[in-house]
Structures are given as C-alpha cells and as structure tokens.
Amino acid sequence: MKRFVVAGAVLALTAAFPAGAGASTKWVCDVPGVGTVTFVTAADAARHGIETANSKAGVVFNLQFGEVCHVE
C-alpha cells in the first residue's frame, strides 16, 4: 500500500511540472516478485481515456448526429 501512495505522490509531482506540450514521462520500477511496472502521467492516462471515448462515442455521434470527432 505504501508503494502506491509514493507512486501517487510522484505522479502528482510529475503532472505539476510538465516537461512540455506532448511530452511523456514514465516512471518504471522493478518490483521484486512482479517484474517491471510502468506508471504513466495523468496526461498520458487522460489522453488514453479520451481516445477510447472517441473511438466509441465518436461513432455514435457520427451515426446519430452526423458529427465527426477526432483527438488532437
């Protein structure tokens, strides 16, 4: 549990000080008994969520309302 609290704090600090537009920062840890674990920034996770939503809702919006959506 303590590991996830520390990971959350590091990710919060990473998100607070972005390296620049389009930058991606990953924190990679070698966890004993588990292997390599990669944590992503909030921005990377948000982009993944937006792209997933667009791939599903974007299709519905196009079919129902004629809207064409994309992620930039």
PDB file of N, CA and C in Angstrom:
ATOM      1  N   MET A   1       0.828  -1.190   0.000  1.00  0.00           N
ATOM      2  CA  MET A   1       0.000   0.000   0.000  1.00  0.00           C
ATOM      3  C   MET A   1       0.870   1.251   0.000  1.00  0.00           C
ATOM      4  N   LYS A   2       1.952   1.228   0.777  1.00  0.00           N
ATOM      5  CA  LYS A   2       2.833   2.395   0.857  1.00  0.00           C
ATOM      6  C   LYS A   2       3.443   2.687  -0.514  1.00  0.00           C
ATOM      7  N   ARG A   3       3.726   1.653  -1.291  1.00  0.00           N
ATOM      8  CA  ARG A   3       4.308   1.823  -2.620  1.00  0.00           C
ATOM      9  C   ARG A   3       3.376   2.629  -3.513  1.00  0.00           C
ATOM     10  N   PHE A   4       2.056   2.370  -3.426  1.00  0.00           N
ATOM     11  CA  PHE A   4       1.108   3.080  -4.272  1.00  0.00           C
ATOM     12  C   PHE A   4       0.923   4.526  -3.824  1.00  0.00           C
ATOM     13  N   VAL A   5       1.047   4.778  -2.533  1.00  0.00           N
ATOM     14  CA  VAL A   5       0.980   6.153  -2.033  1.00  0.00           C
ATOM     15  C   VAL A   5       2.170   6.940  -2.564  1.00  0.00           C
ATOM     16  N   VAL A   6       3.351   6.351  -2.506  1.00  0.00           N
ATOM     17  CA  VAL A   6       4.553   7.004  -3.024  1.00  0.00           C
ATOM     18  C   VAL A   6       4.421   7.208  -4.529  1.00  0.00           C
ATOM     19  N   ALA A   7       3.925   6.201  -5.233  1.00  0.00           N
ATOM     20  CA  ALA A   7       3.744   6.313  -6.687  1.00  0.00           C
ATOM     21  C   ALA A   7       2.777   7.447  -7.002  1.00  0.00           C
ATOM     22  N   GLY A   8       1.706   7.560  -6.253  1.00  0.00           N
ATOM     23  CA  GLY A   8       0.741   8.638  -6.465  1.00  0.00           C
ATOM     24  C   GLY A   8       1.358  10.005  -6.249  1.00  0.00           C
ATOM     25  N   ALA A   9       2.191  10.119  -5.222  1.00  0.00           N
ATOM     26  CA  ALA A   9       2.851  11.395  -4.944  1.00  0.00           C
ATOM     27  C   ALA A   9       3.815  11.761  -6.074  1.00  0.00           C
ATOM     28  N   VAL A  10       4.559  10.793  -6.563  1.00  0.00           N
ATOM     29  CA  VAL A  10       5.496  11.059  -7.658  1.00  0.00           C
ATOM     30  C   VAL A  10       4.742  11.457  -8.917  1.00  0.00           C
ATOM     31  N   LEU A  11       3.652  10.774  -9.209  1.00  0.00           N
ATOM     32  CA  LEU A  11       2.871  11.116 -10.391  1.00  0.00           C
ATOM     33  C   LEU A  11       2.256  12.500 -10.268  1.00  0.00           C
ATOM     34  N   ALA A  12       1.806  12.856  -9.077  1.00  0.00           N
ATOM     35  CA  ALA A  12       1.244  14.195  -8.866  1.00  0.00           C
ATOM     36  C   ALA A  12       2.307  15.261  -9.097  1.00  0.00           C
ATOM     37  N   LEU A  13       3.505  15.036  -8.612  1.00  0.00           N
ATOM     38  CA  LEU A  13       4.592  15.991  -8.835  1.00  0.00           C
ATOM     39  C   LEU A  13       4.975  16.062 -10.305  1.00  0.00           C
ATOM     40  N   THR A  14       4.973  14.929 -10.972  1.00  0.00           N
ATOM     41  CA  THR A  14       5.293  14.896 -12.398  1.00  0.00           C
ATOM     42  C   THR A  14       4.264  15.689 -13.189  1.00  0.00           C
ATOM     43  N   ALA A  15       3.004  15.537 -12.853  1.00  0.00           N
ATOM     44  CA  ALA A  15       1.948  16.262 -13.550  1.00  0.00           C
ATOM     45  C   ALA A  15       2.002  17.756 -13.242  1.00  0.00           C
ATOM     46  N   ALA A  16       2.465  18.117 -12.054  1.00  0.00           N
ATOM     47  CA  ALA A  16       2.536  19.517 -11.671  1.00  0.00           C
ATOM     48  C   ALA A  16       3.639  20.255 -12.412  1.00  0.00           C
ATOM     49  N   PHE A  17       4.657  19.558 -12.859  1.00  0.00           N
ATOM     50  CA  PHE A  17       5.781  20.165 -13.562  1.00  0.00           C
ATOM     51  C   PHE A  17       5.983  19.495 -14.912  1.00  0.00           C
ATOM     52  N   PRO A  18       5.078  19.753 -15.863  1.00  0.00           N
ATOM     53  CA  PRO A  18       5.178  19.083 -17.155  1.00  0.00           C
ATOM     54  C   PRO A  18       6.433  19.508 -17.910  1.00  0.00           C
ATOM     55  N   ALA A  19       6.960  18.578 -18.690  1.00  0.00           N
ATOM     56  CA  ALA A  19       8.178  18.845 -19.449  1.00  0.00           C
ATOM     57  C   ALA A  19       7.895  19.632 -20.718  1.00  0.00           C
ATOM     58  N   GLY A  20       6.659  19.730 -21.122  1.00  0.00           N
ATOM     59  CA  GLY A  20       6.300  20.469 -22.318  1.00  0.00           C
ATOM     60  C   GLY A  20       5.133  19.812 -23.021  1.00  0.00           C
ATOM     61  N   ALA A  21       4.588  20.526 -23.988  1.00  0.00           N
ATOM     62  CA  ALA A  21       3.437  20.009 -24.722  1.00  0.00           C
ATOM     63  C   ALA A  21       3.830  18.734 -25.457  1.00  0.00           C
ATOM     64  N   GLY A  22       3.017  17.727 -25.312  1.00  0.00           N
ATOM     65  CA  GLY A  22       3.265  16.467 -25.986  1.00  0.00           C
ATOM     66  C   GLY A  22       4.311  15.604 -25.311  1.00  0.00           C
ATOM     67  N   ALA A  23       4.855  16.070 -24.215  1.00  0.00           N
ATOM     68  CA  ALA A  23       5.887  15.292 -23.527  1.00  0.00           C
ATOM     69  C   ALA A  23       5.261  14.119 -22.799  1.00  0.00           C
ATOM     70  N   SER A  24       5.998  13.062 -22.703  1.00  0.00           N
ATOM     71  CA  SER A  24       5.525  11.883 -21.993  1.00  0.00           C
ATOM     72  C   SER A  24       6.597  11.464 -20.993  1.00  0.00           C
ATOM     73  N   THR A  25       6.187  11.330 -19.764  1.00  0.00           N
ATOM     74  CA  THR A  25       7.111  10.924 -18.716  1.00  0.00           C
ATOM     75  C   THR A  25       6.602   9.635 -18.108  1.00  0.00           C
ATOM     76  N   LYS A  26       7.465   8.659 -18.018  1.00  0.00           N
ATOM     77  CA  LYS A  26       7.086   7.381 -17.425  1.00  0.00           C
ATOM     78  C   LYS A  26       8.024   7.077 -16.270  1.00  0.00           C
ATOM     79  N   TRP A  27       7.455   6.507 -15.238  1.00  0.00           N
ATOM     80  CA  TRP A  27       8.234   6.087 -14.085  1.00  0.00           C
ATOM     81  C   TRP A  27       8.228   4.568 -14.101  1.00  0.00           C
ATOM     82  N   VAL A  28       9.380   3.951 -14.294  1.00  0.00           N
ATOM     83  CA  VAL A  28       9.493   2.500 -14.432  1.00  0.00           C
ATOM     84  C   VAL A  28      10.165   1.936 -13.192  1.00  0.00           C
ATOM     85  N   CYS A  29       9.514   0.948 -12.556  1.00  0.00           N
ATOM     86  CA  CYS A  29      10.042   0.340 -11.335  1.00  0.00           C
ATOM     87  C   CYS A  29      10.196  -1.165 -11.544  1.00  0.00           C
ATOM     88  N   ASP A  30      11.254  -1.714 -10.989  1.00  0.00           N
ATOM     89  CA  ASP A  30      11.448  -3.159 -10.979  1.00  0.00           C
ATOM     90  C   ASP A  30      10.955  -3.662  -9.632  1.00  0.00           C
ATOM     91  N   VAL A  31       9.764  -4.234  -9.608  1.00  0.00           N
ATOM     92  CA  VAL A  31       9.125  -4.683  -8.379  1.00  0.00           C
ATOM     93  C   VAL A  31       9.487  -6.143  -8.124  1.00  0.00           C
ATOM     94  N   PRO A  32      10.140  -6.430  -6.987  1.00  0.00           N
ATOM     95  CA  PRO A  32      10.512  -7.811  -6.677  1.00  0.00           C
ATOM     96  C   PRO A  32       9.290  -8.732  -6.674  1.00  0.00           C
ATOM     97  N   GLY A  33       9.424  -9.843  -7.356  1.00  0.00           N
ATOM     98  CA  GLY A  33       8.340 -10.812  -7.407  1.00  0.00           C
ATOM     99  C   GLY A  33       7.269 -10.489  -8.433  1.00  0.00           C
ATOM    100  N   VAL A  34       7.323  -9.294  -9.024  1.00  0.00           N
ATOM    101  CA  VAL A  34       6.320  -8.891 -10.011  1.00  0.00           C
ATOM    102  C   VAL A  34       6.976  -8.634 -11.364  1.00  0.00           C
ATOM    103  N   GLY A  35       8.074  -7.922 -11.356  1.00  0.00           N
ATOM    104  CA  GLY A  35       8.752  -7.566 -12.597  1.00  0.00           C
ATOM    105  C   GLY A  35       8.707  -6.067 -12.809  1.00  0.00           C
ATOM    106  N   THR A  36       8.839  -5.651 -14.044  1.00  0.00           N
ATOM    107  CA  THR A  36       8.852  -4.235 -14.387  1.00  0.00           C
ATOM    108  C   THR A  36       7.439  -3.691 -14.420  1.00  0.00           C
ATOM    109  N   VAL A  37       7.230  -2.580 -13.720  1.00  0.00           N
ATOM    110  CA  VAL A  37       5.938  -1.901 -13.691  1.00  0.00           C
ATOM    111  C   VAL A  37       6.164  -0.476 -14.182  1.00  0.00           C
ATOM    112  N   THR A  38       5.361  -0.043 -15.157  1.00  0.00           N
ATOM    113  CA  THR A  38       5.485   1.300 -15.705  1.00  0.00           C
ATOM    114  C   THR A  38       4.263   2.108 -15.306  1.00  0.00           C
ATOM    115  N   PHE A  39       4.512   3.242 -14.686  1.00  0.00           N
ATOM    116  CA  PHE A  39       3.451   4.176 -14.310  1.00  0.00           C
ATOM    117  C   PHE A  39       3.482   5.311 -15.325  1.00  0.00           C
ATOM    118  N   VAL A  40       2.331   5.802 -15.733  1.00  0.00           N
ATOM    119  CA  VAL A  40       2.272   6.891 -16.695  1.00  0.00           C
ATOM    120  C   VAL A  40       1.758   8.154 -16.023  1.00  0.00           C
ATOM    121  N   THR A  41       1.964   9.282 -16.669  1.00  0.00           N
ATOM    122  CA  THR A  41       1.489  10.548 -16.132  1.00  0.00           C
ATOM    123  C   THR A  41      -0.023  10.642 -16.272  1.00  0.00           C
ATOM    124  N   ALA A  42      -0.598  11.559 -15.554  1.00  0.00           N
ATOM    125  CA  ALA A  42      -2.038  11.791 -15.653  1.00  0.00           C
ATOM    126  C   ALA A  42      -2.407  12.217 -17.072  1.00  0.00           C
ATOM    127  N   ALA A  43      -1.551  13.007 -17.696  1.00  0.00           N
ATOM    128  CA  ALA A  43      -1.838  13.458 -19.058  1.00  0.00           C
ATOM    129  C   ALA A  43      -1.889  12.288 -20.032  1.00  0.00           C
ATOM    130  N   ASP A  44      -0.962  11.338 -19.891  1.00  0.00           N
ATOM    131  CA  ASP A  44      -0.973  10.155 -20.761  1.00  0.00           C
ATOM    132  C   ASP A  44      -2.227   9.328 -20.526  1.00  0.00           C
ATOM    133  N   ALA A  45      -2.585   9.160 -19.267  1.00  0.00           N
ATOM    134  CA  ALA A  45      -3.785   8.381 -18.940  1.00  0.00           C
ATOM    135  C   ALA A  45      -5.036   9.084 -19.455  1.00  0.00           C
ATOM    136  N   ALA A  46      -5.080  10.407 -19.333  1.00  0.00           N
ATOM    137  CA  ALA A  46      -6.235  11.162 -19.816  1.00  0.00           C
ATOM    138  C   ALA A  46      -6.355  11.036 -21.331  1.00  0.00           C
ATOM    139  N   ARG A  47      -5.252  11.138 -22.025  1.00  0.00           N
ATOM    140  CA  ARG A  47      -5.290  11.013 -23.489  1.00  0.00           C
ATOM    141  C   ARG A  47      -5.816   9.633 -23.887  1.00  0.00           C
ATOM    142  N   HIS A  48      -5.351   8.596 -23.201  1.00  0.00           N
ATOM    143  CA  HIS A  48      -5.843   7.246 -23.495  1.00  0.00           C
ATOM    144  C   HIS A  48      -7.364   7.189 -23.286  1.00  0.00           C
ATOM    145  N   GLY A  49      -7.852   7.775 -22.189  1.00  0.00           N
ATOM    146  CA  GLY A  49      -9.288   7.787 -21.909  1.00  0.00           C
ATOM    147  C   GLY A  49     -10.076   8.539 -22.964  1.00  0.00           C
ATOM    148  N   ILE A  50      -9.537   9.681 -23.404  1.00  0.00           N
ATOM    149  CA  ILE A  50     -10.213  10.474 -24.427  1.00  0.00           C
ATOM    150  C   ILE A  50     -10.233   9.728 -25.752  1.00  0.00           C
ATOM    151  N   GLU A  51      -9.132   9.094 -26.113  1.00  0.00           N
ATOM    152  CA  GLU A  51      -9.093   8.333 -27.363  1.00  0.00           C
ATOM    153  C   GLU A  51     -10.049   7.142 -27.323  1.00  0.00           C
ATOM    154  N   THR A  52     -10.140   6.485 -26.169  1.00  0.00           N
ATOM    155  CA  THR A  52     -11.073   5.364 -26.018  1.00  0.00           C
ATOM    156  C   THR A  52     -12.516   5.845 -26.140  1.00  0.00           C
ATOM    157  N   ALA A  53     -12.821   6.953 -25.471  1.00  0.00           N
ATOM    158  CA  ALA A  53     -14.176   7.512 -25.546  1.00  0.00           C
ATOM    159  C   ALA A  53     -14.510   7.918 -26.972  1.00  0.00           C
ATOM    160  N   ASN A  54     -13.566   8.541 -27.648  1.00  0.00           N
ATOM    161  CA  ASN A  54     -13.806   8.975 -29.023  1.00  0.00           C
ATOM    162  C   ASN A  54     -14.046   7.787 -29.943  1.00  0.00           C
ATOM    163  N   SER A  55     -13.331   6.690 -29.711  1.00  0.00           N
ATOM    164  CA  SER A  55     -13.497   5.518 -30.582  1.00  0.00           C
ATOM    165  C   SER A  55     -14.874   4.888 -30.433  1.00  0.00           C
ATOM    166  N   LYS A  56     -15.503   5.104 -29.289  1.00  0.00           N
ATOM    167  CA  LYS A  56     -16.835   4.542 -29.067  1.00  0.00           C
ATOM    168  C   LYS A  56     -17.925   5.604 -29.264  1.00  0.00           C
ATOM    169  N   ALA A  57     -17.869   6.675 -28.499  1.00  0.00           N
ATOM    170  CA  ALA A  57     -18.890   7.726 -28.581  1.00  0.00           C
ATOM    171  C   ALA A  57     -18.812   8.469 -29.909  1.00  0.00           C
ATOM    172  N   GLY A  58     -17.599   8.611 -30.443  1.00  0.00           N
ATOM    173  CA  GLY A  58     -17.454   9.294 -31.727  1.00  0.00           C
ATOM    174  C   GLY A  58     -18.223   8.607 -32.834  1.00  0.00           C
ATOM    175  N   VAL A  59     -18.272   7.289 -32.803  1.00  0.00           N
ATOM    176  CA  VAL A  59     -19.032   6.524 -33.794  1.00  0.00           C
ATOM    177  C   VAL A  59     -20.521   6.797 -33.624  1.00  0.00           C
ATOM    178  N   VAL A  60     -20.991   6.785 -32.388  1.00  0.00           N
ATOM    179  CA  VAL A  60     -22.413   7.037 -32.111  1.00  0.00           C
ATOM    180  C   VAL A  60     -22.788   8.454 -32.516  1.00  0.00           C
ATOM    181  N   PHE A  61     -21.958   9.429 -32.173  1.00  0.00           N
ATOM    182  CA  PHE A  61     -22.247  10.819 -32.540  1.00  0.00           C
ATOM    183  C   PHE A  61     -22.330  10.959 -34.063  1.00  0.00           C
ATOM    184  N   ASN A  62     -21.454  10.268 -34.776  1.00  0.00           N
ATOM    185  CA  ASN A  62     -21.471  10.338 -36.226  1.00  0.00           C
ATOM    186  C   ASN A  62     -22.747   9.730 -36.778  1.00  0.00           C
ATOM    187  N   LEU A  63     -23.124   8.576 -36.268  1.00  0.00           N
ATOM    188  CA  LEU A  63     -24.331   7.901 -36.760  1.00  0.00           C
ATOM    189  C   LEU A  63     -25.606   8.666 -36.393  1.00  0.00           C
ATOM    190  N   GLN A  64     -25.675   9.177 -35.175  1.00  0.00           N
ATOM    191  CA  GLN A  64     -26.893   9.828 -34.700  1.00  0.00           C
ATOM    192  C   GLN A  64     -27.019  11.291 -35.118  1.00  0.00           C
ATOM    193  N   PHE A  65     -25.891  12.015 -35.152  1.00  0.00           N
ATOM    194  CA  PHE A  65     -25.958  13.466 -35.340  1.00  0.00           C
ATOM    195  C   PHE A  65     -25.121  13.971 -36.518  1.00  0.00           C
ATOM    196  N   GLY A  66     -24.378  13.077 -37.174  1.00  0.00           N
ATOM    197  CA  GLY A  66     -23.561  13.490 -38.296  1.00  0.00           C
ATOM    198  C   GLY A  66     -22.273  14.202 -37.898  1.00  0.00           C
ATOM    199  N   GLU A  67     -21.949  14.187 -36.616  1.00  0.00           N
ATOM    200  CA  GLU A  67     -20.721  14.848 -36.141  1.00  0.00           C
ATOM    201  C   GLU A  67     -19.516  13.957 -36.386  1.00  0.00           C
ATOM    202  N   VAL A  68     -18.418  14.590 -36.772  1.00  0.00           N
ATOM    203  CA  VAL A  68     -17.166  13.868 -36.969  1.00  0.00           C
ATOM    204  C   VAL A  68     -16.201  14.391 -35.904  1.00  0.00           C
ATOM    205  N   CYS A  69     -15.758  13.506 -35.008  1.00  0.00           N
ATOM    206  CA  CYS A  69     -14.877  13.889 -33.905  1.00  0.00           C
ATOM    207  C   CYS A  69     -13.510  13.245 -34.063  1.00  0.00           C
ATOM    208  N   HIS A  70     -12.488  13.908 -33.539  1.00  0.00           N
ATOM    209  CA  HIS A  70     -11.143  13.331 -33.507  1.00  0.00           C
ATOM    210  C   HIS A  70     -10.387  13.903 -32.317  1.00  0.00           C
ATOM    211  N   VAL A  71      -9.292  13.279 -31.966  1.00  0.00           N
ATOM    212  CA  VAL A  71      -8.472  13.689 -30.840  1.00  0.00           C
ATOM    213  C   VAL A  71      -7.217  14.369 -31.377  1.00  0.00           C
ATOM    214  N   GLU A  72      -6.895  15.528 -30.833  1.00  0.00           N
ATOM    215  CA  GLU A  72      -5.675  16.247 -31.254  1.00  0.00           C
ATOM    216  C   GLU A  72      -4.654  16.255 -30.162  1.00  0.00           C
TER     217      GLU A  72
END
